[in-house]
Amino acid sequence: MMSVNPFEILEQKIDNLALLIMTKSAAPVEEEDKMLNLEEAAAYLGMVQQTIRRNIRKIPHRKRHGRLFFFKSELVQYVKNGK
């Protein structure tokens, strides 16, 4: 008669859950939802960084810890709307 160690079963289940969580969180970010820094946003819009800074009140952005961040989808909408 072979006894099953319940801790081994538990360890296997935890490993399976950890693997599932890792694969879910490693899902790629949709290209439209990608966040860009100032340099990337300037390149994406075909502008120099200074132009973006000068017009920052018109351009959709987020500011955290003194840094500017832009979402691609918001930049596309900004250009489409001609704001």
C-alpha atoms as a PDB file:
ATOM      1  CA  MET A   1       0.000   0.000   0.000  1.00  0.00           C
ATOM      2  CA  MET A   2       1.461   3.282  -1.113  1.00  0.00           C
ATOM      3  CA  SER A   3       0.665   6.430   0.854  1.00  0.00           C
ATOM      4  CA  VAL A   4       0.332   9.770  -0.894  1.00  0.00           C
ATOM      5  CA  ASN A   5       2.002  12.711   0.731  1.00  0.00           C
ATOM      6  CA  PRO A   6      -0.575  15.535   0.768  1.00  0.00           C
ATOM      7  CA  PHE A   7       2.213  18.137   0.850  1.00  0.00           C
ATOM      8  CA  GLU A   8       3.558  16.898  -2.489  1.00  0.00           C
ATOM      9  CA  ILE A   9       0.106  17.274  -4.033  1.00  0.00           C
ATOM     10  CA  LEU A  10      -0.206  20.735  -2.538  1.00  0.00           C
ATOM     11  CA  GLU A  11       3.225  21.713  -3.858  1.00  0.00           C
ATOM     12  CA  GLN A  12       2.276  20.558  -7.368  1.00  0.00           C
ATOM     13  CA  LYS A  13      -0.937  22.568  -7.282  1.00  0.00           C
ATOM     14  CA  ILE A  14       0.902  25.685  -6.096  1.00  0.00           C
ATOM     15  CA  ASP A  15       3.461  25.261  -8.885  1.00  0.00           C
ATOM     16  CA  ASN A  16       0.631  24.968 -11.429  1.00  0.00           C
ATOM     17  CA  LEU A  17      -1.015  28.134 -10.090  1.00  0.00           C
ATOM     18  CA  ALA A  18       2.281  30.030 -10.145  1.00  0.00           C
ATOM     19  CA  LEU A  19       2.852  28.997 -13.761  1.00  0.00           C
ATOM     20  CA  LEU A  20      -0.667  30.057 -14.699  1.00  0.00           C
ATOM     21  CA  ILE A  21      -0.206  33.470 -13.041  1.00  0.00           C
ATOM     22  CA  MET A  22       3.153  34.005 -14.748  1.00  0.00           C
ATOM     23  CA  THR A  23       1.738  33.247 -18.191  1.00  0.00           C
ATOM     24  CA  LYS A  24      -1.252  35.552 -17.650  1.00  0.00           C
ATOM     25  CA  SER A  25       0.860  38.484 -16.443  1.00  0.00           C
ATOM     26  CA  ALA A  26       3.356  38.011 -19.260  1.00  0.00           C
ATOM     27  CA  ALA A  27       0.656  38.647 -21.869  1.00  0.00           C
ATOM     28  CA  PRO A  28       1.801  41.275 -24.365  1.00  0.00           C
ATOM     29  CA  VAL A  29       0.378  44.780 -24.074  1.00  0.00           C
ATOM     30  CA  GLU A  30      -1.806  45.784 -26.993  1.00  0.00           C
ATOM     31  CA  GLU A  31       0.098  48.124 -29.284  1.00  0.00           C
ATOM     32  CA  GLU A  32      -2.540  50.881 -28.969  1.00  0.00           C
ATOM     33  CA  ASP A  33      -2.380  50.734 -25.168  1.00  0.00           C
ATOM     34  CA  LYS A  34       1.374  50.992 -25.029  1.00  0.00           C
ATOM     35  CA  MET A  35       2.702  53.755 -22.809  1.00  0.00           C
ATOM     36  CA  LEU A  36       5.414  55.976 -24.261  1.00  0.00           C
ATOM     37  CA  ASN A  37       7.894  58.326 -22.646  1.00  0.00           C
ATOM     38  CA  LEU A  38       8.525  61.815 -24.046  1.00  0.00           C
ATOM     39  CA  GLU A  39      11.256  60.692 -26.433  1.00  0.00           C
ATOM     40  CA  GLU A  40       9.139  57.828 -27.834  1.00  0.00           C
ATOM     41  CA  ALA A  41       6.051  60.051 -28.145  1.00  0.00           C
ATOM     42  CA  ALA A  42       8.046  62.686 -30.034  1.00  0.00           C
ATOM     43  CA  ALA A  43       9.370  60.077 -32.453  1.00  0.00           C
ATOM     44  CA  TYR A  44       5.889  58.557 -32.866  1.00  0.00           C
ATOM     45  CA  LEU A  45       4.340  61.955 -33.671  1.00  0.00           C
ATOM     46  CA  GLY A  46       7.287  63.072 -35.797  1.00  0.00           C
ATOM     47  CA  MET A  47       7.973  66.066 -33.568  1.00  0.00           C
ATOM     48  CA  VAL A  48      10.876  67.225 -31.497  1.00  0.00           C
ATOM     49  CA  GLN A  49      10.552  66.962 -27.720  1.00  0.00           C
ATOM     50  CA  GLN A  50      10.608  70.735 -27.325  1.00  0.00           C
ATOM     51  CA  THR A  51       7.464  71.075 -29.479  1.00  0.00           C
ATOM     52  CA  ILE A  52       5.637  68.561 -27.312  1.00  0.00           C
ATOM     53  CA  ARG A  53       6.720  70.352 -24.131  1.00  0.00           C
ATOM     54  CA  ARG A  54       5.601  73.700 -25.579  1.00  0.00           C
ATOM     55  CA  ASN A  55       2.154  72.284 -26.420  1.00  0.00           C
ATOM     56  CA  ILE A  56       1.795  69.913 -23.467  1.00  0.00           C
ATOM     57  CA  ARG A  57      -1.514  71.456 -22.335  1.00  0.00           C
ATOM     58  CA  LYS A  58      -3.118  70.372 -25.617  1.00  0.00           C
ATOM     59  CA  ILE A  59      -1.593  66.882 -25.833  1.00  0.00           C
ATOM     60  CA  PRO A  60      -3.098  64.089 -23.682  1.00  0.00           C
ATOM     61  CA  HIS A  61      -0.522  62.891 -21.165  1.00  0.00           C
ATOM     62  CA  ARG A  62       0.128  61.720 -17.605  1.00  0.00           C
ATOM     63  CA  LYS A  63       2.764  63.119 -15.311  1.00  0.00           C
ATOM     64  CA  ARG A  64       4.337  61.041 -12.552  1.00  0.00           C
ATOM     65  CA  HIS A  65       7.377  61.979 -10.500  1.00  0.00           C
ATOM     66  CA  GLY A  66       8.230  64.793 -12.888  1.00  0.00           C
ATOM     67  CA  ARG A  67       8.171  62.548 -15.970  1.00  0.00           C
ATOM     68  CA  LEU A  68       5.724  62.678 -18.860  1.00  0.00           C
ATOM     69  CA  PHE A  69       3.947  59.583 -20.180  1.00  0.00           C
ATOM     70  CA  PHE A  70       1.681  59.189 -23.199  1.00  0.00           C
ATOM     71  CA  PHE A  71      -0.644  56.410 -24.369  1.00  0.00           C
ATOM     72  CA  LYS A  72      -0.432  55.614 -28.072  1.00  0.00           C
ATOM     73  CA  SER A  73      -4.210  55.313 -28.376  1.00  0.00           C
ATOM     74  CA  GLU A  74      -4.684  58.818 -26.911  1.00  0.00           C
ATOM     75  CA  LEU A  75      -2.058  60.275 -29.253  1.00  0.00           C
ATOM     76  CA  VAL A  76      -3.777  58.697 -32.256  1.00  0.00           C
ATOM     77  CA  GLN A  77      -7.116  60.121 -31.123  1.00  0.00           C
ATOM     78  CA  TYR A  78      -5.496  63.525 -30.575  1.00  0.00           C
ATOM     79  CA  VAL A  79      -4.187  63.568 -34.151  1.00  0.00           C
ATOM     80  CA  LYS A  80      -7.465  62.235 -35.612  1.00  0.00           C
ATOM     81  CA  ASN A  81      -9.498  64.887 -33.820  1.00  0.00           C
ATOM     82  CA  GLY A  82      -7.138  67.632 -34.959  1.00  0.00           C
ATOM     83  CA  LYS A  83      -7.076  69.158 -31.504  1.00  0.00           C
END
